[in-house]
N, C-alpha and C. Protein backbone atom coordinates (compact mmCIF):
# COMPACT_ATOMS: atom_id res chain seq x y z
N UNK A 1 99.19 121.84 72.47
CA UNK A 1 99.97 121.84 73.83
C UNK A 1 99.44 121.97 75.76
N UNK A 2 99.43 121.08 76.38
CA UNK A 2 99.65 121.26 78.04
C UNK A 2 99.20 122.62 78.70
N UNK A 3 97.79 122.55 78.89
CA UNK A 3 97.50 123.83 79.55
C UNK A 3 98.00 124.08 81.21
N UNK A 4 97.87 124.77 81.21
CA UNK A 4 98.65 125.47 82.28
C UNK A 4 97.78 126.08 83.27
N UNK A 5 97.89 125.65 84.93
CA UNK A 5 97.30 125.93 85.77
C UNK A 5 98.03 127.63 86.16
N UNK A 6 97.20 128.06 86.79
CA UNK A 6 96.89 129.62 87.48
C UNK A 6 98.13 129.37 88.00
N UNK A 7 98.24 128.05 89.27
CA UNK A 7 99.34 127.27 89.78
C UNK A 7 100.59 127.36 89.79
N UNK A 8 100.51 127.46 88.85
CA UNK A 8 101.86 127.03 88.53
C UNK A 8 103.11 127.36 87.58
N UNK A 9 101.45 128.62 86.72
CA UNK A 9 102.88 130.09 85.61
C UNK A 9 103.58 130.49 86.41
N UNK A 10 103.34 131.10 87.88
CA UNK A 10 103.85 131.00 88.30
C UNK A 10 106.17 131.16 88.81
N UNK A 11 105.11 129.62 89.11
CA UNK A 11 106.71 128.34 89.78
C UNK A 11 107.86 128.66 88.47
N UNK A 12 106.89 128.82 87.21
CA UNK A 12 107.50 128.24 86.23
C UNK A 12 108.62 129.22 85.92
N UNK A 13 108.25 130.28 85.66
CA UNK A 13 108.45 131.91 85.70
C UNK A 13 110.08 132.24 86.33
N UNK A 14 109.69 131.40 88.52
CA UNK A 14 110.10 131.58 88.53
C UNK A 14 111.53 130.54 88.57
N UNK A 15 111.46 129.69 88.41
CA UNK A 15 112.11 128.64 88.05
C UNK A 15 112.15 127.34 87.24
N UNK A 16 113.01 127.40 86.27
CA UNK A 16 113.38 126.11 84.50
C UNK A 16 112.54 125.07 84.85
N UNK A 17 113.17 124.75 86.50
CA UNK A 17 113.09 123.33 86.55
C UNK A 17 112.13 122.95 86.24
N UNK A 18 110.56 123.99 86.95
CA UNK A 18 109.34 123.77 87.18
C UNK A 18 108.56 122.80 85.94
N UNK A 19 109.10 123.34 84.84
CA UNK A 19 108.59 122.93 82.73
C UNK A 19 109.01 121.86 83.23
N UNK A 20 109.98 120.88 84.30
CA UNK A 20 109.46 119.13 83.47
C UNK A 20 109.11 118.56 85.20
N UNK A 21 108.87 119.25 85.73
CA UNK A 21 108.26 118.44 86.72
C UNK A 21 106.90 118.61 86.49
N UNK A 22 105.71 117.34 86.58
CA UNK A 22 104.64 117.00 86.44
C UNK A 22 103.39 117.88 87.17
N UNK A 23 103.46 118.92 87.96
CA UNK A 23 103.00 119.36 89.17
C UNK A 23 101.70 119.10 88.42
N UNK A 24 100.61 119.84 87.37
CA UNK A 24 99.61 119.91 86.61
C UNK A 24 99.12 118.02 86.64
N UNK A 25 100.41 117.21 86.35
CA UNK A 25 99.73 115.71 87.00
C UNK A 25 99.55 115.84 88.29
N UNK A 26 100.23 115.44 89.05
CA UNK A 26 100.20 115.05 89.60
C UNK A 26 98.94 115.55 91.01
N UNK A 27 98.26 116.95 91.00
CA UNK A 27 97.39 118.31 91.03
C UNK A 27 96.63 117.24 90.41
N UNK A 28 95.87 116.79 89.29
CA UNK A 28 95.20 115.58 89.04
C UNK A 28 94.93 114.67 89.08
N UNK A 29 96.56 114.04 89.50
CA UNK A 29 95.27 112.72 90.78
C UNK A 29 95.42 112.45 91.73
N UNK A 30 95.58 114.29 91.92
CA UNK A 30 95.29 114.43 93.76
C UNK A 30 94.40 115.32 93.44
N UNK A 31 92.70 115.30 92.70
CA UNK A 31 92.16 116.49 92.75
C UNK A 31 90.95 116.45 93.66
N UNK A 32 90.53 115.59 93.95
CA UNK A 32 89.16 115.26 95.75
C UNK A 32 90.62 116.48 96.94
N UNK A 33 91.49 115.88 97.02
CA UNK A 33 91.90 116.34 97.92
C UNK A 33 92.52 118.09 97.38
N UNK A 34 92.84 118.12 96.60
CA UNK A 34 93.03 119.82 95.87
C UNK A 34 91.16 120.38 96.16
N UNK A 35 90.78 119.66 96.07
CA UNK A 35 89.29 120.34 95.71
C UNK A 35 89.40 121.27 97.42
N UNK A 36 89.44 120.60 98.27
CA UNK A 36 89.23 119.76 99.77
C UNK A 36 90.06 120.77 100.76
N UNK A 37 91.31 120.89 100.33
CA UNK A 37 92.21 121.37 100.51
C UNK A 37 91.68 123.28 100.23
N UNK A 38 90.93 123.10 99.06
CA UNK A 38 90.92 124.92 98.62
C UNK A 38 89.88 125.27 99.28
N UNK A 39 88.63 124.48 99.61
CA UNK A 39 87.13 124.39 100.50
C UNK A 39 87.67 124.93 101.62
N UNK A 40 88.77 124.50 102.73
CA UNK A 40 89.48 124.36 103.88
C UNK A 40 89.73 125.92 103.84
N UNK A 41 90.80 125.92 102.23
CA UNK A 41 91.75 127.65 102.93
C UNK A 41 90.44 128.78 102.60
N UNK A 42 89.58 128.82 101.62
CA UNK A 42 88.60 129.77 101.84
C UNK A 42 87.57 129.70 102.23
N UNK A 43 88.03 128.59 103.38
CA UNK A 43 86.73 128.23 104.85
C UNK A 43 87.56 129.62 105.50
N UNK A 44 88.77 129.09 106.09
CA UNK A 44 88.65 129.83 106.87
C UNK A 44 89.38 130.93 106.43
N UNK A 45 89.97 131.30 104.99
CA UNK A 45 90.02 132.78 105.02
C UNK A 45 92.46 132.86 105.51
N UNK A 46 92.61 131.82 104.99
CA UNK A 46 94.02 131.27 104.88
C UNK A 46 94.53 130.53 104.42
N UNK A 47 95.94 130.51 103.58
CA UNK A 47 95.92 130.01 102.43
C UNK A 47 96.79 129.19 103.06
N UNK A 48 97.38 128.26 104.23
CA UNK A 48 98.77 127.56 105.23
C UNK A 48 97.99 126.64 104.25
N UNK A 49 96.48 125.74 104.58
CA UNK A 49 96.11 124.31 104.06
C UNK A 49 96.79 124.25 102.84
N UNK A 50 96.89 125.79 102.11
CA UNK A 50 96.45 125.68 100.31
C UNK A 50 98.31 124.82 100.08
N UNK A 51 98.66 125.77 100.90
CA UNK A 51 100.13 126.09 100.86
C UNK A 51 100.86 124.49 100.71
N UNK A 52 100.40 124.38 101.97
CA UNK A 52 101.46 123.27 102.43
C UNK A 52 100.59 121.78 101.66
N UNK A 53 100.47 121.31 100.82
CA UNK A 53 99.71 120.91 99.49
C UNK A 53 100.33 120.98 98.88
N UNK A 54 100.28 122.40 97.98
CA UNK A 54 100.94 122.27 96.96
C UNK A 54 102.42 121.83 97.70
N UNK A 55 103.16 122.58 98.45
CA UNK A 55 104.84 122.03 98.55
C UNK A 55 104.22 120.73 98.78
N UNK A 56 103.76 119.94 98.95
CA UNK A 56 103.87 118.39 99.11
C UNK A 56 104.12 118.10 97.44
N UNK A 57 103.07 118.81 96.92
CA UNK A 57 102.94 118.12 95.86
C UNK A 57 103.88 118.08 95.25
N UNK A 58 104.43 119.58 94.90
CA UNK A 58 106.11 119.84 94.35
C UNK A 58 107.46 118.79 95.33
N UNK A 59 107.02 118.59 96.00
CA UNK A 59 107.91 117.99 96.55
C UNK A 59 107.70 115.95 95.92
N UNK A 60 107.07 116.34 96.13
CA UNK A 60 106.66 114.67 94.91
C UNK A 60 107.24 114.53 93.82
N UNK A 61 106.91 116.10 92.98
CA UNK A 61 106.93 116.17 91.56
C UNK A 61 108.83 115.94 91.53
N UNK A 62 109.26 116.30 92.22
CA UNK A 62 110.54 116.46 92.28
C UNK A 62 111.38 115.05 93.52
N UNK A 63 110.68 114.13 93.76
CA UNK A 63 111.01 113.23 93.76
C UNK A 63 110.95 112.44 93.08
N UNK A 64 110.04 112.02 91.92
CA UNK A 64 110.04 111.63 91.14
C UNK A 64 111.26 111.42 89.70
N UNK A 65 111.54 113.43 89.49
CA UNK A 65 112.21 113.59 89.21
C UNK A 65 113.75 113.35 89.41
N UNK A 66 113.49 113.19 90.56
CA UNK A 66 114.65 112.34 91.44
C UNK A 66 114.83 110.57 90.42
N UNK A 67 114.44 109.94 91.16
CA UNK A 67 113.98 108.93 90.51
C UNK A 67 114.38 108.64 89.16
N UNK A 68 113.86 108.91 88.90
CA UNK A 68 113.83 108.93 87.13
C UNK A 68 115.10 109.09 86.53
N UNK A 69 115.67 110.38 87.34
CA UNK A 69 116.67 110.59 86.80
C UNK A 69 117.77 108.89 86.74
N UNK A 70 117.99 109.17 88.66
CA UNK A 70 118.56 108.15 89.05
C UNK A 70 118.43 106.42 87.99
N UNK A 71 117.19 106.31 87.41
CA UNK A 71 117.27 105.49 86.74
C UNK A 71 117.52 105.03 85.61
N UNK A 72 116.98 106.36 84.95
CA UNK A 72 118.08 106.46 84.03
C UNK A 72 119.42 106.04 83.20
N UNK A 73 120.24 106.37 84.96
CA UNK A 73 121.71 106.53 85.01
C UNK A 73 122.05 105.13 84.95
N UNK A 74 121.39 104.47 85.83
CA UNK A 74 121.66 102.83 85.96
C UNK A 74 121.65 102.04 84.64
N UNK A 75 120.25 102.81 83.55
CA UNK A 75 120.19 101.33 82.55
C UNK A 75 121.47 102.45 81.83
N UNK A 76 121.24 103.54 81.10
CA UNK A 76 122.89 104.15 80.98
C UNK A 76 123.84 103.59 80.31
N UNK A 77 124.69 103.00 82.01
CA UNK A 77 125.71 102.98 82.64
C UNK A 77 125.88 101.02 82.57
């Protein structure tokens, strides 16, 4: 079973689409940036940078999902 992060569990509870998005994978691929952003947010005592980072990750995951779906539809046709 894939380990879920505290970041994505609330997303998956809020909307089932997040069960299909590889958010953890994208975070792992950007691990250095993830920790850098966490440090910036912690130092500033302000979460905006982290929220913006996570929104970019989610947007990228959605774009990947859309691309995959489009390719699958083209192959099926």
